[in-house]
């Protein structure tokens, strides 16, 4: 009796495996992801849209087609996400590699709340997300999970020499001023710069200490502090790139000392 049951169990398991294997053929995964079926697309994952500079967005991709499968057409499904609200999903017929989308279409095809936005309406971090539909014929449409994200930002070009004019109030309420030449040195990450002394000379002049070397970041003319390793904390409360490329910073430290610096390009 035990032998008969074992045979039935073996036959049943084999049948289930055959049925399950047949189902896998219709799944959308490919061999690279541990599946067995049709096709997939591997697009570039992160792109930038630079305000006032980008004329088109190019999405490069690698296409995988399993043996006997041909992708006959491709559709982009995009959506714009902004601080003002999000667009509806929009389908765009795609052709070529890379897929090229004119900058004007990045705005006109993705209205938010019924209105087409302009670059001036967008803020840093607003972004588009694109997914893909692959047509492999016979009415079969694959929807791989890989995405491309296009982030709105601005080109920064602050590296160079400046005249720094700083006014400060020290720990005891004493005012001070210092004017000196400094250099902004570009970091490896775009938009970030090393500056020699966030305190504008206060630390060396008032306390005989080391200057407060810092790294700042410019995103669409808003300047923030990335790091300022020192014996105590330093902060930037306000930072902006003004007309003519003047960089304005309002700073303070953990002892409530504070100041403002105007960096004028030389």
C-alpha atoms as a PDB file:
ATOM      1  CA  UNK A   1       0.000   0.000   0.000  1.00  0.00           C
ATOM      2  CA  UNK A   2       2.849   2.351   0.835  1.00  0.00           C
ATOM      3  CA  UNK A   3       4.443   1.666  -2.570  1.00  0.00           C
ATOM      4  CA  UNK A   4       1.197   2.484  -4.425  1.00  0.00           C
ATOM      5  CA  UNK A   5       0.792   5.756  -2.550  1.00  0.00           C
ATOM      6  CA  UNK A   6       4.386   6.667  -3.290  1.00  0.00           C
ATOM      7  CA  UNK A   7       3.869   6.058  -7.007  1.00  0.00           C
ATOM      8  CA  UNK A   8       0.710   8.150  -7.050  1.00  0.00           C
ATOM      9  CA  UNK A   9       2.471  10.963  -5.209  1.00  0.00           C
ATOM     10  CA  UNK A  10       5.418  10.821  -7.627  1.00  0.00           C
ATOM     11  CA  UNK A  11       3.124  10.916 -10.674  1.00  0.00           C
ATOM     12  CA  UNK A  12       1.119  13.810  -9.186  1.00  0.00           C
ATOM     13  CA  UNK A  13       4.240  15.843  -8.426  1.00  0.00           C
ATOM     14  CA  UNK A  14       5.553  15.253 -11.931  1.00  0.00           C
ATOM     15  CA  UNK A  15       2.252  16.402 -13.433  1.00  0.00           C
ATOM     16  CA  UNK A  16       2.263  19.529 -11.299  1.00  0.00           C
ATOM     17  CA  UNK A  17       5.825  20.339 -12.340  1.00  0.00           C
ATOM     18  CA  UNK A  18       4.885  19.988 -16.010  1.00  0.00           C
ATOM     19  CA  UNK A  19       1.873  22.263 -15.572  1.00  0.00           C
ATOM     20  CA  UNK A  20       3.912  24.799 -13.566  1.00  0.00           C
ATOM     21  CA  UNK A  21       6.725  24.760 -16.151  1.00  0.00           C
ATOM     22  CA  UNK A  22       4.181  25.443 -18.873  1.00  0.00           C
ATOM     23  CA  UNK A  23       2.888  28.445 -16.958  1.00  0.00           C
ATOM     24  CA  UNK A  24       6.389  29.891 -16.585  1.00  0.00           C
ATOM     25  CA  UNK A  25       6.716  30.167 -20.342  1.00  0.00           C
ATOM     26  CA  UNK A  26       3.974  32.793 -20.296  1.00  0.00           C
ATOM     27  CA  UNK A  27       5.528  34.819 -17.475  1.00  0.00           C
ATOM     28  CA  UNK A  28       7.213  38.135 -18.217  1.00  0.00           C
ATOM     29  CA  UNK A  29      10.536  37.456 -16.528  1.00  0.00           C
ATOM     30  CA  UNK A  30      13.631  36.584 -18.523  1.00  0.00           C
ATOM     31  CA  UNK A  31      16.603  34.338 -17.896  1.00  0.00           C
ATOM     32  CA  UNK A  32      18.626  37.178 -16.350  1.00  0.00           C
ATOM     33  CA  UNK A  33      16.095  37.450 -13.571  1.00  0.00           C
ATOM     34  CA  UNK A  34      15.691  33.723 -12.977  1.00  0.00           C
ATOM     35  CA  UNK A  35      12.666  33.172 -15.209  1.00  0.00           C
ATOM     36  CA  UNK A  36      12.120  31.522 -18.556  1.00  0.00           C
ATOM     37  CA  UNK A  37      10.144  33.761 -20.805  1.00  0.00           C
ATOM     38  CA  UNK A  38       9.936  36.377 -23.342  1.00  0.00           C
ATOM     39  CA  UNK A  39      11.777  39.684 -23.175  1.00  0.00           C
ATOM     40  CA  UNK A  40      12.893  42.509 -20.927  1.00  0.00           C
ATOM     41  CA  UNK A  41      14.340  45.997 -21.130  1.00  0.00           C
ATOM     42  CA  UNK A  42      17.188  47.435 -19.067  1.00  0.00           C
ATOM     43  CA  UNK A  43      17.045  51.244 -19.328  1.00  0.00           C
ATOM     44  CA  UNK A  44      19.403  53.793 -17.806  1.00  0.00           C
ATOM     45  CA  UNK A  45      17.947  54.330 -14.344  1.00  0.00           C
ATOM     46  CA  UNK A  46      18.828  57.965 -13.530  1.00  0.00           C
ATOM     47  CA  UNK A  47      18.911  61.045 -15.761  1.00  0.00           C
ATOM     48  CA  UNK A  48      18.867  64.808 -15.195  1.00  0.00           C
ATOM     49  CA  UNK A  49      16.811  67.592 -16.748  1.00  0.00           C
ATOM     50  CA  UNK A  50      18.850  70.813 -16.397  1.00  0.00           C
ATOM     51  CA  UNK A  51      16.833  74.023 -16.257  1.00  0.00           C
ATOM     52  CA  UNK A  52      17.554  76.281 -19.220  1.00  0.00           C
ATOM     53  CA  UNK A  53      20.021  73.814 -20.727  1.00  0.00           C
ATOM     54  CA  UNK A  54      18.366  70.484 -21.532  1.00  0.00           C
ATOM     55  CA  UNK A  55      16.977  70.382 -25.079  1.00  0.00           C
ATOM     56  CA  UNK A  56      16.112  66.681 -25.104  1.00  0.00           C
ATOM     57  CA  UNK A  57      16.156  63.665 -22.817  1.00  0.00           C
ATOM     58  CA  UNK A  58      17.808  60.499 -24.157  1.00  0.00           C
ATOM     59  CA  UNK A  59      16.971  57.175 -22.536  1.00  0.00           C
ATOM     60  CA  UNK A  60      19.514  54.491 -23.461  1.00  0.00           C
ATOM     61  CA  UNK A  61      18.539  50.878 -22.912  1.00  0.00           C
ATOM     62  CA  UNK A  62      19.540  47.262 -23.457  1.00  0.00           C
ATOM     63  CA  UNK A  63      16.845  44.965 -24.834  1.00  0.00           C
ATOM     64  CA  UNK A  64      16.714  41.247 -24.024  1.00  0.00           C
ATOM     65  CA  UNK A  65      14.790  38.902 -26.305  1.00  0.00           C
ATOM     66  CA  UNK A  66      14.591  35.216 -25.555  1.00  0.00           C
ATOM     67  CA  UNK A  67      15.037  32.732 -28.397  1.00  0.00           C
ATOM     68  CA  UNK A  68      12.173  32.948 -30.863  1.00  0.00           C
ATOM     69  CA  UNK A  69      10.852  36.240 -29.423  1.00  0.00           C
ATOM     70  CA  UNK A  70      10.951  39.600 -31.189  1.00  0.00           C
ATOM     71  CA  UNK A  71       9.902  42.901 -29.633  1.00  0.00           C
ATOM     72  CA  UNK A  72       7.799  44.484 -32.368  1.00  0.00           C
ATOM     73  CA  UNK A  73       7.022  47.758 -30.667  1.00  0.00           C
ATOM     74  CA  UNK A  74       7.611  49.719 -27.481  1.00  0.00           C
ATOM     75  CA  UNK A  75       5.584  52.255 -25.502  1.00  0.00           C
ATOM     76  CA  UNK A  76       6.757  54.557 -22.735  1.00  0.00           C
ATOM     77  CA  UNK A  77       4.415  55.165 -19.825  1.00  0.00           C
ATOM     78  CA  UNK A  78       5.441  58.385 -18.107  1.00  0.00           C
ATOM     79  CA  UNK A  79       4.286  60.512 -15.201  1.00  0.00           C
ATOM     80  CA  UNK A  80       5.497  63.868 -13.843  1.00  0.00           C
ATOM     81  CA  UNK A  81       5.695  64.339 -10.058  1.00  0.00           C
ATOM     82  CA  UNK A  82       5.977  67.922  -8.752  1.00  0.00           C
ATOM     83  CA  UNK A  83       5.459  69.962  -5.602  1.00  0.00           C
ATOM     84  CA  UNK A  84       2.408  71.484  -7.344  1.00  0.00           C
ATOM     85  CA  UNK A  85       0.872  68.061  -7.963  1.00  0.00           C
ATOM     86  CA  UNK A  86       1.301  65.098 -10.275  1.00  0.00           C
ATOM     87  CA  UNK A  87       0.304  64.536 -13.882  1.00  0.00           C
ATOM     88  CA  UNK A  88      -1.726  61.606 -15.126  1.00  0.00           C
ATOM     89  CA  UNK A  89       0.119  58.699 -16.690  1.00  0.00           C
ATOM     90  CA  UNK A  90       0.832  59.365 -20.355  1.00  0.00           C
ATOM     91  CA  UNK A  91       1.751  56.849 -23.063  1.00  0.00           C
ATOM     92  CA  UNK A  92       4.357  57.769 -25.697  1.00  0.00           C
ATOM     93  CA  UNK A  93       5.197  55.540 -28.662  1.00  0.00           C
ATOM     94  CA  UNK A  94       8.942  54.913 -28.511  1.00  0.00           C
ATOM     95  CA  UNK A  95      11.358  54.281 -31.366  1.00  0.00           C
ATOM     96  CA  UNK A  96      15.104  53.948 -31.659  1.00  0.00           C
ATOM     97  CA  UNK A  97      17.855  53.535 -29.108  1.00  0.00           C
ATOM     98  CA  UNK A  98      18.236  55.843 -27.320  1.00  0.00           C
ATOM     99  CA  UNK A  99      14.633  56.958 -26.976  1.00  0.00           C
ATOM    100  CA  UNK A 100      14.747  60.727 -27.473  1.00  0.00           C
ATOM    101  CA  UNK A 101      12.120  63.015 -25.951  1.00  0.00           C
ATOM    102  CA  UNK A 102      12.281  66.765 -26.771  1.00  0.00           C
ATOM    103  CA  UNK A 103      12.376  69.017 -23.725  1.00  0.00           C
ATOM    104  CA  UNK A 104       9.156  70.687 -24.875  1.00  0.00           C
ATOM    105  CA  UNK A 105       7.364  67.325 -24.801  1.00  0.00           C
ATOM    106  CA  UNK A 106       8.613  66.685 -21.261  1.00  0.00           C
ATOM    107  CA  UNK A 107       6.366  69.577 -20.255  1.00  0.00           C
ATOM    108  CA  UNK A 108       3.550  69.737 -22.818  1.00  0.00           C
ATOM    109  CA  UNK A 109       2.694  66.038 -22.615  1.00  0.00           C
ATOM    110  CA  UNK A 110       2.434  66.024 -18.815  1.00  0.00           C
ATOM    111  CA  UNK A 111      -0.028  68.724 -17.684  1.00  0.00           C
ATOM    112  CA  UNK A 112      -0.647  69.023 -13.954  1.00  0.00           C
ATOM    113  CA  UNK A 113      -4.161  69.920 -12.886  1.00  0.00           C
ATOM    114  CA  UNK A 114      -5.049  70.670 -16.489  1.00  0.00           C
ATOM    115  CA  UNK A 115      -2.195  73.156 -16.950  1.00  0.00           C
ATOM    116  CA  UNK A 116       1.071  72.708 -18.845  1.00  0.00           C
ATOM    117  CA  UNK A 117       3.907  73.700 -16.527  1.00  0.00           C
ATOM    118  CA  UNK A 118       7.025  75.647 -17.481  1.00  0.00           C
ATOM    119  CA  UNK A 119      10.560  75.195 -16.209  1.00  0.00           C
ATOM    120  CA  UNK A 120       9.941  78.122 -13.846  1.00  0.00           C
ATOM    121  CA  UNK A 121       7.094  76.160 -12.247  1.00  0.00           C
ATOM    122  CA  UNK A 122       9.335  73.208 -11.432  1.00  0.00           C
ATOM    123  CA  UNK A 123      11.520  72.929  -8.357  1.00  0.00           C
ATOM    124  CA  UNK A 124      14.651  70.823  -7.727  1.00  0.00           C
ATOM    125  CA  UNK A 125      13.670  67.239  -7.078  1.00  0.00           C
ATOM    126  CA  UNK A 126      10.561  67.302  -9.262  1.00  0.00           C
ATOM    127  CA  UNK A 127      10.872  64.313 -11.575  1.00  0.00           C
ATOM    128  CA  UNK A 128       9.466  62.140 -14.330  1.00  0.00           C
ATOM    129  CA  UNK A 129       9.229  58.340 -14.048  1.00  0.00           C
ATOM    130  CA  UNK A 130       9.051  56.181 -17.175  1.00  0.00           C
ATOM    131  CA  UNK A 131       8.069  52.531 -17.372  1.00  0.00           C
ATOM    132  CA  UNK A 132       7.901  50.413 -20.524  1.00  0.00           C
ATOM    133  CA  UNK A 133       5.481  48.221 -22.456  1.00  0.00           C
ATOM    134  CA  UNK A 134       6.915  45.707 -24.912  1.00  0.00           C
ATOM    135  CA  UNK A 135       4.778  44.377 -27.775  1.00  0.00           C
ATOM    136  CA  UNK A 136       5.902  40.868 -28.761  1.00  0.00           C
ATOM    137  CA  UNK A 137       3.061  40.221 -31.208  1.00  0.00           C
ATOM    138  CA  UNK A 138      -0.066  38.086 -31.131  1.00  0.00           C
ATOM    139  CA  UNK A 139      -1.640  40.599 -28.772  1.00  0.00           C
ATOM    140  CA  UNK A 140       0.944  39.972 -26.053  1.00  0.00           C
ATOM    141  CA  UNK A 141       2.188  43.050 -24.161  1.00  0.00           C
ATOM    142  CA  UNK A 142       4.940  42.685 -21.558  1.00  0.00           C
ATOM    143  CA  UNK A 143       5.311  45.184 -18.706  1.00  0.00           C
ATOM    144  CA  UNK A 144       8.808  44.830 -17.226  1.00  0.00           C
ATOM    145  CA  UNK A 145       9.423  46.418 -13.855  1.00  0.00           C
ATOM    146  CA  UNK A 146      12.538  48.413 -14.716  1.00  0.00           C
ATOM    147  CA  UNK A 147      12.162  52.217 -14.667  1.00  0.00           C
ATOM    148  CA  UNK A 148      13.919  55.399 -15.765  1.00  0.00           C
ATOM    149  CA  UNK A 149      13.794  58.476 -13.510  1.00  0.00           C
ATOM    150  CA  UNK A 150      14.512  61.961 -14.880  1.00  0.00           C
ATOM    151  CA  UNK A 151      15.139  64.542 -12.134  1.00  0.00           C
ATOM    152  CA  UNK A 152      14.750  68.301 -12.602  1.00  0.00           C
ATOM    153  CA  UNK A 153      17.735  70.314 -11.406  1.00  0.00           C
ATOM    154  CA  UNK A 154      20.057  73.145 -12.453  1.00  0.00           C
ATOM    155  CA  UNK A 155      23.606  73.347 -13.725  1.00  0.00           C
ATOM    156  CA  UNK A 156      25.967  74.927 -11.208  1.00  0.00           C
ATOM    157  CA  UNK A 157      29.204  76.711 -12.093  1.00  0.00           C
ATOM    158  CA  UNK A 158      30.532  78.428  -8.968  1.00  0.00           C
ATOM    159  CA  UNK A 159      34.143  77.220  -9.020  1.00  0.00           C
ATOM    160  CA  UNK A 160      36.658  80.062  -9.075  1.00  0.00           C
ATOM    161  CA  UNK A 161      38.025  83.057  -7.180  1.00  0.00           C
ATOM    162  CA  UNK A 162      35.956  85.405  -5.023  1.00  0.00           C
ATOM    163  CA  UNK A 163      36.318  88.403  -2.771  1.00  0.00           C
ATOM    164  CA  UNK A 164      34.658  87.445   0.523  1.00  0.00           C
ATOM    165  CA  UNK A 165      33.195  90.215   2.695  1.00  0.00           C
ATOM    166  CA  UNK A 166      32.039  88.932   6.108  1.00  0.00           C
ATOM    167  CA  UNK A 167      30.309  90.634   9.043  1.00  0.00           C
ATOM    168  CA  UNK A 168      29.918  88.655  12.266  1.00  0.00           C
ATOM    169  CA  UNK A 169      28.839  88.804  15.909  1.00  0.00           C
ATOM    170  CA  UNK A 170      31.037  86.779  18.264  1.00  0.00           C
ATOM    171  CA  UNK A 171      30.154  84.958  21.503  1.00  0.00           C
ATOM    172  CA  UNK A 172      30.310  88.153  23.586  1.00  0.00           C
ATOM    173  CA  UNK A 173      28.240  90.181  21.142  1.00  0.00           C
ATOM    174  CA  UNK A 174      31.237  91.876  19.592  1.00  0.00           C
ATOM    175  CA  UNK A 175      30.939  92.766  15.905  1.00  0.00           C
ATOM    176  CA  UNK A 176      33.667  92.131  13.363  1.00  0.00           C
ATOM    177  CA  UNK A 177      34.428  92.345   9.674  1.00  0.00           C
ATOM    178  CA  UNK A 178      36.883  90.694   7.339  1.00  0.00           C
ATOM    179  CA  UNK A 179      37.534  90.956   3.613  1.00  0.00           C
ATOM    180  CA  UNK A 180      39.732  88.369   1.926  1.00  0.00           C
ATOM    181  CA  UNK A 181      40.218  86.512  -1.333  1.00  0.00           C
ATOM    182  CA  UNK A 182      39.024  82.906  -1.389  1.00  0.00           C
ATOM    183  CA  UNK A 183      38.553  80.103  -3.905  1.00  0.00           C
ATOM    184  CA  UNK A 184      35.604  77.803  -4.432  1.00  0.00           C
ATOM    185  CA  UNK A 185      36.969  74.399  -5.447  1.00  0.00           C
ATOM    186  CA  UNK A 186      34.621  72.030  -7.297  1.00  0.00           C
ATOM    187  CA  UNK A 187      34.038  68.650  -5.665  1.00  0.00           C
ATOM    188  CA  UNK A 188      33.563  65.365  -7.530  1.00  0.00           C
ATOM    189  CA  UNK A 189      29.775  65.624  -7.093  1.00  0.00           C
ATOM    190  CA  UNK A 190      28.308  68.250  -9.411  1.00  0.00           C
ATOM    191  CA  UNK A 191      27.107  71.392  -7.646  1.00  0.00           C
ATOM    192  CA  UNK A 192      29.307  70.925  -4.566  1.00  0.00           C
ATOM    193  CA  UNK A 193      32.239  73.156  -3.646  1.00  0.00           C
ATOM    194  CA  UNK A 194      34.881  73.270  -0.943  1.00  0.00           C
ATOM    195  CA  UNK A 195      35.295  76.692   0.670  1.00  0.00           C
ATOM    196  CA  UNK A 196      38.200  77.575   2.979  1.00  0.00           C
ATOM    197  CA  UNK A 197      36.402  79.176   5.942  1.00  0.00           C
ATOM    198  CA  UNK A 198      32.656  79.245   6.546  1.00  0.00           C
ATOM    199  CA  UNK A 199      33.235  81.691   9.420  1.00  0.00           C
ATOM    200  CA  UNK A 200      34.693  84.232   6.990  1.00  0.00           C
ATOM    201  CA  UNK A 201      37.796  84.675   9.120  1.00  0.00           C
ATOM    202  CA  UNK A 202      36.101  84.968  12.510  1.00  0.00           C
ATOM    203  CA  UNK A 203      37.574  81.804  13.996  1.00  0.00           C
ATOM    204  CA  UNK A 204      41.216  82.693  13.192  1.00  0.00           C
ATOM    205  CA  UNK A 205      40.861  86.417  13.913  1.00  0.00           C
ATOM    206  CA  UNK A 206      38.790  86.321  17.121  1.00  0.00           C
ATOM    207  CA  UNK A 207      39.828  83.013  18.660  1.00  0.00           C
ATOM    208  CA  UNK A 208      43.107  82.136  16.956  1.00  0.00           C
ATOM    209  CA  UNK A 209      41.544  78.886  15.783  1.00  0.00           C
ATOM    210  CA  UNK A 210      41.637  77.039  12.509  1.00  0.00           C
ATOM    211  CA  UNK A 211      39.423  78.202   9.654  1.00  0.00           C
ATOM    212  CA  UNK A 212      36.131  76.323   9.239  1.00  0.00           C
ATOM    213  CA  UNK A 213      36.654  74.395   6.027  1.00  0.00           C
ATOM    214  CA  UNK A 214      33.290  73.417   4.564  1.00  0.00           C
ATOM    215  CA  UNK A 215      31.547  71.878   1.572  1.00  0.00           C
ATOM    216  CA  UNK A 216      28.485  73.691   0.227  1.00  0.00           C
ATOM    217  CA  UNK A 217      25.991  72.687  -2.456  1.00  0.00           C
ATOM    218  CA  UNK A 218      24.262  74.853  -5.061  1.00  0.00           C
ATOM    219  CA  UNK A 219      20.953  73.525  -6.421  1.00  0.00           C
ATOM    220  CA  UNK A 220      19.121  75.962  -8.686  1.00  0.00           C
ATOM    221  CA  UNK A 221      20.726  78.964  -6.907  1.00  0.00           C
ATOM    222  CA  UNK A 222      19.849  77.750  -3.413  1.00  0.00           C
ATOM    223  CA  UNK A 223      22.983  77.068  -1.376  1.00  0.00           C
ATOM    224  CA  UNK A 224      23.075  74.655   1.562  1.00  0.00           C
ATOM    225  CA  UNK A 225      25.721  73.156   3.806  1.00  0.00           C
ATOM    226  CA  UNK A 226      26.896  69.606   3.151  1.00  0.00           C
ATOM    227  CA  UNK A 227      29.625  69.359   5.785  1.00  0.00           C
ATOM    228  CA  UNK A 228      31.749  71.535   8.063  1.00  0.00           C
ATOM    229  CA  UNK A 229      33.863  69.258  10.273  1.00  0.00           C
ATOM    230  CA  UNK A 230      34.980  71.365  13.229  1.00  0.00           C
ATOM    231  CA  UNK A 231      35.268  71.224  17.020  1.00  0.00           C
ATOM    232  CA  UNK A 232      31.622  72.325  17.188  1.00  0.00           C
ATOM    233  CA  UNK A 233      28.784  72.540  14.731  1.00  0.00           C
ATOM    234  CA  UNK A 234      28.360  75.171  12.034  1.00  0.00           C
ATOM    235  CA  UNK A 235      25.164  75.791  10.068  1.00  0.00           C
ATOM    236  CA  UNK A 236      23.938  77.734   7.026  1.00  0.00           C
ATOM    237  CA  UNK A 237      20.541  79.317   7.693  1.00  0.00           C
ATOM    238  CA  UNK A 238      20.257  81.051   4.336  1.00  0.00           C
ATOM    239  CA  UNK A 239      22.185  80.692   1.108  1.00  0.00           C
ATOM    240  CA  UNK A 240      21.585  81.854  -2.424  1.00  0.00           C
ATOM    241  CA  UNK A 241      23.292  82.738  -5.674  1.00  0.00           C
ATOM    242  CA  UNK A 242      22.324  86.317  -6.483  1.00  0.00           C
ATOM    243  CA  UNK A 243      22.568  88.428  -9.629  1.00  0.00           C
ATOM    244  CA  UNK A 244      26.037  88.516 -11.139  1.00  0.00           C
ATOM    245  CA  UNK A 245      27.008  85.256  -9.484  1.00  0.00           C
ATOM    246  CA  UNK A 246      27.336  86.723  -5.982  1.00  0.00           C
ATOM    247  CA  UNK A 247      27.008  83.977  -3.354  1.00  0.00           C
ATOM    248  CA  UNK A 248      25.319  85.085  -0.140  1.00  0.00           C
ATOM    249  CA  UNK A 249      25.500  82.983   3.038  1.00  0.00           C
ATOM    250  CA  UNK A 250      24.001  83.496   6.481  1.00  0.00           C
ATOM    251  CA  UNK A 251      25.766  81.233   8.961  1.00  0.00           C
ATOM    252  CA  UNK A 252      25.930  80.470  12.689  1.00  0.00           C
ATOM    253  CA  UNK A 253      27.582  78.018  15.036  1.00  0.00           C
ATOM    254  CA  UNK A 254      26.696  76.018  18.142  1.00  0.00           C
ATOM    255  CA  UNK A 255      27.751  78.958  20.377  1.00  0.00           C
ATOM    256  CA  UNK A 256      25.211  81.309  18.744  1.00  0.00           C
ATOM    257  CA  UNK A 257      27.956  83.207  16.965  1.00  0.00           C
ATOM    258  CA  UNK A 258      26.675  84.233  13.575  1.00  0.00           C
ATOM    259  CA  UNK A 259      27.408  86.204  10.478  1.00  0.00           C
ATOM    260  CA  UNK A 260      26.794  86.835   6.811  1.00  0.00           C
ATOM    261  CA  UNK A 261      29.201  86.636   3.898  1.00  0.00           C
ATOM    262  CA  UNK A 262      29.004  88.019   0.376  1.00  0.00           C
ATOM    263  CA  UNK A 263      31.250  86.199  -2.099  1.00  0.00           C
ATOM    264  CA  UNK A 264      31.737  88.388  -5.179  1.00  0.00           C
ATOM    265  CA  UNK A 265      33.336  86.755  -8.260  1.00  0.00           C
ATOM    266  CA  UNK A 266      36.673  88.270  -9.209  1.00  0.00           C
END
